[in-house]
Amino acid sequence: MTPPRPTVRATAALALTGALLAGCGSGESSSSGDPGEVTVTNCGAEETFPSPAERLYVTGDGNLLALVLALGAEDQIAGVTGLDDGAKTLATVYGQDVVDTLHVASTDHPTLENAIAQRPDVVVSGWSYGFSEEKNFTPDGLHEHDVAAYVLSESCRQEGGGRGTMPPWEALAADLENLGQITGKRAEAEEVVTDIADRREALEEAPQATREPTVFLFDSGTKEIFTSGAYGGPQAIIEAAGAKNATADVKDTWTEVSWERLVAAEPDYVAFVDYPGQSFADKVKVLEANPATRNLPAVREKRYLNLPIAAWTSGPLNIDAAESLRAGLEEHELVPESDIEPGHDLEP
């Protein structure tokens, strides 16, 4: 039997109170002494931003854009990249009319030159979500052009390597609160955080399995498997759904593991990340053809869920993914039946 845990509402309330009043290393704000500015804690450092920001340049897999759209700040977006992967998903949740108004600054990876060309006052990105030293697109490079840079909290760098410095639900709450202050949408940010907390509480109060089923998150893979560890959005999603992340002991966000790691996990369920490059059908074919994986419980029983990348990477759609995963686990009788229903149908 899973030991009792503090309720999500209590945990979320404390996290939100800390973000609003005390910071606790995530969402503290203070006056910078100049009107039209706000200081928040981002990746452990106090950073000053124009507020309300009027021209946001947003990168990512649709997840960072979802953070901004969830606040109703679409009119403050000067340009986006990576929209192709997330356009359908974002339209489902925030409206096709909203997505159609967005200016696509680049269909390729963001660059410093492309960002500066949009005349942004704030760039919203993250390490491996756009920011890249190899491509000379970094917060420091933007600062040299007097452009503020907000880093996705899930992607904050650890000392000595790896990404992720706080539990993923806390990272998400920090980003919503921080961006709420930067965009001037504080009340909207609080509403989104509260909605997520309420839906997490409903998941927690749903009947739980005596033995938590094990879920393996399969992003992509041929020689190695790209998956997600303790600090990535999938950790929060899988736990909220009432299951155990097969790679919860990996102290990183998105990372590679061996095929032996998948086999040893003997997952009850496999969740897939849908995006161009390796199709859902191709991923399933790999698992069902490989002698080492085809007899795993999840593969043998075809216990699969495929959701778009914007639902798995850190952002407000993580709660929709958790509800969808819970429904999938119930369908295969891995957790008891409940009245949980996904807020949005995000399956491709």
Protein backbone atom coordinates (compact mmCIF):
# COMPACT_ATOMS: atom_id res chain seq x y z
CA MET A 1 0.00 0.00 0.00
CA THR A 2 1.36 3.43 -0.92
CA PRO A 3 2.07 5.46 2.25
CA PRO A 4 -0.13 8.54 2.77
CA ARG A 5 1.17 11.79 1.36
CA PRO A 6 0.36 15.45 2.12
CA THR A 7 -2.61 16.59 0.07
CA VAL A 8 -1.82 18.34 -3.20
CA ARG A 9 -3.97 21.32 -2.21
CA ALA A 10 -1.93 21.88 0.93
CA THR A 11 1.34 21.39 -0.94
CA ALA A 12 0.29 23.67 -3.79
CA ALA A 13 -1.03 26.31 -1.40
CA LEU A 14 2.29 26.40 0.42
CA ALA A 15 4.20 26.54 -2.86
CA LEU A 16 2.02 29.35 -4.19
CA THR A 17 2.23 31.29 -0.93
CA GLY A 18 6.00 30.91 -1.02
CA ALA A 19 6.11 32.10 -4.60
CA LEU A 20 3.93 35.11 -3.88
CA LEU A 21 5.30 36.15 -0.50
CA ALA A 22 8.61 34.54 0.34
CA GLY A 23 10.13 33.39 -2.93
CA CYS A 24 11.64 30.13 -1.57
CA GLY A 25 14.08 30.22 -4.48
CA SER A 26 11.41 30.32 -7.16
CA GLY A 27 9.00 33.21 -7.66
CA GLU A 28 9.96 36.10 -5.38
CA SER A 29 9.30 39.58 -6.71
CA SER A 30 10.44 42.98 -5.55
CA SER A 31 10.59 46.52 -6.78
CA SER A 32 13.77 47.29 -8.67
CA GLY A 33 13.47 50.97 -7.86
CA ASP A 34 12.45 51.78 -11.44
CA PRO A 35 8.82 51.88 -12.59
CA GLY A 36 7.93 49.29 -15.18
CA GLU A 37 10.29 46.63 -13.90
CA VAL A 38 10.01 43.53 -11.74
CA THR A 39 12.62 41.29 -10.15
CA VAL A 40 12.02 37.53 -9.91
CA THR A 41 14.16 34.60 -8.91
CA ASN A 42 15.01 32.51 -11.95
CA CYS A 43 17.39 29.54 -11.77
CA GLY A 44 18.45 30.65 -8.31
CA ALA A 45 19.41 34.20 -9.30
CA GLU A 46 17.51 37.45 -9.01
CA GLU A 47 16.81 38.79 -12.49
CA THR A 48 15.12 42.05 -13.49
CA PHE A 49 12.62 42.23 -16.34
CA PRO A 50 10.46 44.94 -17.91
CA SER A 51 6.89 44.64 -16.66
CA PRO A 52 4.58 44.34 -18.32
CA ALA A 53 6.77 43.00 -21.10
CA GLU A 54 5.42 44.11 -24.44
CA ARG A 55 7.42 42.02 -26.93
CA LEU A 56 8.12 38.39 -26.01
CA TYR A 57 10.20 36.07 -28.17
CA VAL A 58 9.21 32.51 -27.21
CA THR A 59 10.99 29.28 -28.15
CA GLY A 60 10.55 25.63 -27.10
CA ASP A 61 8.38 22.69 -28.12
CA GLY A 62 5.09 24.51 -27.57
CA ASN A 63 5.43 24.18 -23.79
CA LEU A 64 6.93 27.64 -23.21
CA LEU A 65 4.37 29.13 -25.56
CA ALA A 66 1.64 27.36 -23.56
CA LEU A 67 2.94 29.10 -20.43
CA VAL A 68 2.37 32.48 -22.08
CA LEU A 69 -0.96 31.58 -23.69
CA ALA A 70 -2.30 30.17 -20.43
CA LEU A 71 -1.88 33.67 -18.98
CA GLY A 72 -3.78 35.27 -21.84
CA ALA A 73 -0.69 37.20 -22.93
CA GLU A 74 -0.78 36.31 -26.62
CA ASP A 75 -0.99 39.99 -27.63
CA GLN A 76 2.42 40.52 -26.02
CA ILE A 77 4.19 37.95 -28.23
CA ALA A 78 6.47 39.43 -30.89
CA GLY A 79 7.62 36.11 -32.36
CA VAL A 80 7.76 32.37 -31.77
CA THR A 81 9.83 29.42 -32.92
CA GLY A 82 9.07 25.71 -32.81
CA LEU A 83 5.38 26.26 -33.47
CA ASP A 84 5.12 23.44 -36.01
CA ASP A 85 5.48 20.77 -33.34
CA GLY A 86 2.88 22.30 -31.04
CA ALA A 87 0.42 24.21 -33.23
CA LYS A 88 -2.34 21.59 -33.26
CA THR A 89 -2.07 20.94 -29.53
CA LEU A 90 -2.05 24.63 -28.64
CA ALA A 91 -5.02 25.28 -30.91
CA THR A 92 -6.98 22.52 -29.15
CA VAL A 93 -6.44 24.14 -25.77
CA TYR A 94 -6.16 27.87 -26.45
CA GLY A 95 -8.07 28.25 -29.72
CA GLN A 96 -7.16 28.15 -33.39
CA ASP A 97 -7.83 31.88 -33.66
CA VAL A 98 -5.17 32.57 -31.03
CA VAL A 99 -2.58 30.32 -32.68
CA ASP A 100 -3.28 31.82 -36.10
CA THR A 101 -2.37 35.31 -34.86
CA LEU A 102 1.11 34.29 -33.69
CA HIS A 103 4.06 35.55 -35.71
CA VAL A 104 6.40 32.68 -36.59
CA ALA A 105 9.82 34.26 -36.41
CA SER A 106 11.61 31.08 -37.50
CA THR A 107 10.67 27.54 -38.48
CA ASP A 108 14.19 26.46 -37.57
CA HIS A 109 16.13 26.55 -34.31
CA PRO A 110 16.23 30.02 -32.77
CA THR A 111 19.34 32.13 -33.17
CA LEU A 112 20.56 35.29 -31.52
CA GLU A 113 20.23 37.14 -34.82
CA ASN A 114 16.66 35.99 -35.37
CA ALA A 115 15.66 36.86 -31.82
CA ILE A 116 17.16 40.36 -31.97
CA ALA A 117 15.45 40.98 -35.31
CA GLN A 118 12.04 40.72 -33.57
CA ARG A 119 13.01 43.61 -31.23
CA PRO A 120 12.02 41.72 -28.07
CA ASP A 121 12.17 43.08 -24.56
CA VAL A 122 12.12 39.52 -23.11
CA VAL A 123 13.15 36.17 -24.55
CA VAL A 124 11.45 33.12 -22.98
CA SER A 125 13.50 30.00 -23.62
CA GLY A 126 15.44 27.24 -21.87
CA TRP A 127 18.56 25.12 -22.10
CA SER A 128 17.88 22.56 -24.85
CA TYR A 129 14.65 24.43 -25.57
CA GLY A 130 16.45 27.06 -27.63
CA PHE A 131 19.31 28.36 -25.53
CA SER A 132 22.56 26.84 -26.77
CA GLU A 133 26.15 27.89 -26.27
CA GLU A 134 27.13 25.99 -29.42
CA LYS A 135 24.69 28.13 -31.43
CA ASN A 136 25.64 31.32 -29.59
CA PHE A 137 22.09 31.84 -28.35
CA THR A 138 22.39 32.40 -24.60
CA PRO A 139 21.03 34.66 -21.86
CA ASP A 140 24.42 36.41 -21.65
CA GLY A 141 24.39 37.06 -25.39
CA LEU A 142 20.92 38.58 -25.13
CA HIS A 143 21.95 40.74 -22.19
CA GLU A 144 24.67 42.25 -24.38
CA HIS A 145 21.84 43.51 -26.59
CA ASP A 146 19.84 44.79 -23.58
CA VAL A 147 17.30 42.00 -23.89
CA ALA A 148 16.15 40.19 -20.75
CA ALA A 149 16.18 36.38 -20.82
CA TYR A 150 13.83 34.11 -18.84
CA VAL A 151 15.04 30.50 -18.47
CA LEU A 152 12.51 27.66 -18.17
CA SER A 153 12.90 26.44 -14.58
CA GLU A 154 12.88 22.76 -15.60
CA SER A 155 16.02 23.46 -17.63
CA CYS A 156 18.01 25.26 -14.92
CA ARG A 157 21.50 23.79 -14.78
CA GLN A 158 22.80 21.79 -11.85
CA GLU A 159 26.29 22.27 -10.51
CA GLY A 160 28.49 19.66 -12.14
CA GLY A 161 26.11 18.90 -15.00
CA GLY A 162 22.54 17.86 -15.58
CA ARG A 163 19.40 19.97 -15.59
CA GLY A 164 16.65 20.52 -13.07
CA THR A 165 16.98 22.07 -9.63
CA MET A 166 13.51 21.60 -8.12
CA PRO A 167 10.63 19.12 -8.30
CA PRO A 168 8.77 19.53 -11.61
CA TRP A 169 5.42 20.76 -10.25
CA GLU A 170 7.30 23.40 -8.24
CA ALA A 171 9.26 24.38 -11.34
CA LEU A 172 6.02 24.80 -13.28
CA ALA A 173 4.42 26.92 -10.54
CA ALA A 174 7.54 29.10 -10.40
CA ASP A 175 7.40 29.72 -14.16
CA LEU A 176 3.70 30.58 -14.15
CA GLU A 177 4.10 32.98 -11.24
CA ASN A 178 7.28 34.57 -12.61
CA LEU A 179 5.85 35.02 -16.10
CA GLY A 180 2.63 36.31 -14.58
CA GLN A 181 4.65 39.12 -13.02
CA ILE A 182 6.72 39.74 -16.15
CA THR A 183 3.64 39.98 -18.38
CA GLY A 184 1.53 41.85 -15.86
CA LYS A 185 -0.86 38.88 -15.61
CA ARG A 186 -0.46 38.04 -11.92
CA ALA A 187 -4.13 37.29 -11.27
CA GLU A 188 -4.29 35.04 -14.32
CA ALA A 189 -1.17 33.19 -13.16
CA GLU A 190 -2.72 32.55 -9.77
CA GLU A 191 -5.87 31.19 -11.44
CA VAL A 192 -3.83 28.76 -13.56
CA VAL A 193 -1.77 27.58 -10.58
CA THR A 194 -4.94 27.06 -8.54
CA ASP A 195 -6.63 25.14 -11.37
CA ILE A 196 -3.64 22.81 -11.67
CA ALA A 197 -3.60 22.31 -7.89
CA ASP A 198 -7.31 21.44 -7.85
CA ARG A 199 -6.91 18.92 -10.65
CA ARG A 200 -3.86 17.39 -8.98
CA GLU A 201 -5.88 17.05 -5.79
CA ALA A 202 -8.62 15.21 -7.68
CA LEU A 203 -6.01 12.81 -9.06
CA GLU A 204 -4.55 12.26 -5.62
CA GLU A 205 -7.96 11.58 -4.08
CA ALA A 206 -8.87 9.05 -6.80
CA PRO A 207 -8.60 5.37 -5.76
CA GLN A 208 -4.97 4.24 -5.89
CA ALA A 209 -3.49 0.89 -6.86
CA THR A 210 -2.11 -1.34 -4.11
CA ARG A 211 1.02 -1.65 -6.25
CA GLU A 212 1.90 1.37 -8.33
CA PRO A 213 2.27 0.40 -11.98
CA THR A 214 5.58 1.28 -13.61
CA VAL A 215 5.49 3.63 -16.60
CA PHE A 216 8.38 4.08 -19.01
CA LEU A 217 8.46 7.32 -20.98
CA PHE A 218 9.75 6.62 -24.49
CA ASP A 219 10.63 9.85 -26.24
CA SER A 220 12.61 8.31 -29.08
CA GLY A 221 15.30 5.75 -29.58
CA THR A 222 17.39 3.50 -31.77
CA LYS A 223 20.88 3.02 -30.30
CA GLU A 224 19.93 4.66 -26.99
CA ILE A 225 16.56 5.68 -25.56
CA PHE A 226 15.75 9.31 -24.90
CA THR A 227 13.56 9.57 -21.80
CA SER A 228 13.08 11.76 -18.74
CA GLY A 229 14.24 11.54 -15.14
CA ALA A 230 13.38 12.98 -11.74
CA TYR A 231 13.33 16.66 -12.74
CA GLY A 232 11.41 16.47 -16.02
CA GLY A 233 7.73 17.10 -16.61
CA PRO A 234 7.00 13.37 -17.10
CA GLN A 235 8.01 12.66 -13.48
CA ALA A 236 5.22 14.94 -12.26
CA ILE A 237 2.75 13.56 -14.80
CA ILE A 238 3.39 9.89 -14.03
CA GLU A 239 3.27 10.38 -10.25
CA ALA A 240 0.07 12.40 -10.44
CA ALA A 241 -1.55 9.65 -12.51
CA GLY A 242 -0.86 7.15 -9.72
CA ALA A 243 2.12 5.37 -11.22
CA LYS A 244 5.90 5.16 -10.85
CA ASN A 245 8.37 6.62 -13.32
CA ALA A 246 10.79 3.87 -14.39
CA THR A 247 13.63 6.41 -14.47
CA ALA A 248 12.78 8.37 -11.32
CA ASP A 249 16.27 7.70 -9.94
CA VAL A 250 17.94 9.58 -12.81
CA LYS A 251 18.69 13.03 -11.40
CA ASP A 252 18.21 14.90 -14.66
CA THR A 253 15.42 16.10 -16.92
CA TRP A 254 15.55 14.80 -20.50
CA THR A 255 18.37 12.33 -20.99
CA GLU A 256 19.50 9.08 -22.62
CA VAL A 257 19.42 5.63 -21.03
CA SER A 258 20.34 2.20 -22.34
CA TRP A 259 17.98 -0.40 -23.76
CA GLU A 260 19.05 -2.60 -20.85
CA ARG A 261 17.51 -0.02 -18.54
CA LEU A 262 14.15 -0.36 -20.29
CA VAL A 263 14.28 -4.15 -20.16
CA ALA A 264 15.21 -4.19 -16.47
CA ALA A 265 12.31 -1.87 -15.62
CA GLU A 266 9.73 -4.35 -16.97
CA PRO A 267 7.22 -1.51 -17.38
CA ASP A 268 3.50 -2.12 -17.09
CA TYR A 269 2.83 0.77 -19.45
CA VAL A 270 4.75 2.75 -22.07
CA ALA A 271 4.03 6.41 -22.79
CA PHE A 272 5.30 7.95 -26.03
CA VAL A 273 6.25 11.51 -26.96
CA ASP A 274 4.79 12.43 -30.33
CA TYR A 275 6.76 14.74 -32.61
CA PRO A 276 8.36 14.56 -36.09
CA GLY A 277 11.42 12.39 -36.64
CA GLN A 278 10.32 9.01 -35.36
CA SER A 279 6.61 8.33 -35.61
CA PHE A 280 4.49 6.62 -32.99
CA ALA A 281 4.12 3.64 -35.33
CA ASP A 282 7.89 3.45 -35.79
CA LYS A 283 8.51 3.50 -32.05
CA VAL A 284 5.98 0.76 -31.44
CA LYS A 285 7.51 -1.28 -34.24
CA VAL A 286 10.95 -0.98 -32.64
CA LEU A 287 9.64 -2.25 -29.30
CA GLU A 288 7.55 -5.07 -30.77
CA ALA A 289 10.31 -6.30 -33.09
CA ASN A 290 13.19 -6.25 -30.62
CA PRO A 291 13.58 -9.67 -28.93
CA ALA A 292 14.68 -7.93 -25.73
CA THR A 293 11.53 -5.80 -25.42
CA ARG A 294 8.71 -7.53 -27.27
CA ASN A 295 7.78 -9.70 -24.27
CA LEU A 296 7.79 -6.89 -21.74
CA PRO A 297 4.36 -6.62 -20.04
CA ALA A 298 3.48 -3.26 -21.58
CA VAL A 299 4.57 -4.30 -25.08
CA ARG A 300 2.99 -7.73 -24.96
CA GLU A 301 -0.38 -6.25 -23.90
CA LYS A 302 -0.02 -3.13 -26.10
CA ARG A 303 -0.49 -0.79 -23.15
CA TYR A 304 0.43 2.47 -24.83
CA LEU A 305 -0.33 6.18 -24.68
CA ASN A 306 0.87 8.68 -27.28
CA LEU A 307 0.75 12.38 -26.45
CA PRO A 308 2.32 15.42 -28.16
CA ILE A 309 5.62 16.83 -26.99
CA ALA A 310 4.00 20.02 -25.66
CA ALA A 311 2.09 17.90 -23.13
CA TRP A 312 5.21 16.16 -21.77
CA THR A 313 7.71 19.02 -21.64
CA SER A 314 7.31 21.33 -18.65
CA GLY A 315 4.23 23.53 -19.01
CA PRO A 316 0.56 23.90 -18.07
CA LEU A 317 -0.49 21.02 -20.33
CA ASN A 318 1.25 18.61 -17.95
CA ILE A 319 -1.97 18.36 -15.94
CA ASP A 320 -3.90 17.33 -19.08
CA ALA A 321 -1.24 14.68 -19.71
CA ALA A 322 -1.59 13.39 -16.14
CA GLU A 323 -5.35 13.04 -16.55
CA SER A 324 -4.91 11.30 -19.90
CA LEU A 325 -2.36 8.90 -18.44
CA ARG A 326 -4.66 8.14 -15.51
CA ALA A 327 -7.46 7.31 -17.98
CA GLY A 328 -5.09 5.02 -19.92
CA LEU A 329 -4.00 3.20 -16.78
CA GLU A 330 -7.64 2.72 -15.80
CA GLU A 331 -8.50 1.38 -19.25
CA HIS A 332 -5.93 -1.38 -18.78
CA GLU A 333 -7.00 -2.01 -15.16
CA LEU A 334 -3.63 -0.97 -13.76
CA VAL A 335 -5.29 1.47 -11.34
CA PRO A 336 -8.89 1.44 -10.02
CA GLU A 337 -11.67 3.20 -11.89
CA SER A 338 -12.35 6.84 -11.05
CA ASP A 339 -14.29 9.79 -12.38
CA ILE A 340 -11.13 11.49 -13.70
CA GLU A 341 -11.54 12.74 -17.25
CA PRO A 342 -8.88 14.57 -19.31
CA GLY A 343 -9.50 18.30 -19.49
CA HIS A 344 -8.54 18.18 -23.18
CA ASP A 345 -8.13 15.34 -25.64
CA LEU A 346 -4.54 15.86 -26.75
CA GLU A 347 -3.91 12.52 -28.48
CA PRO A 348 -2.68 13.14 -32.04
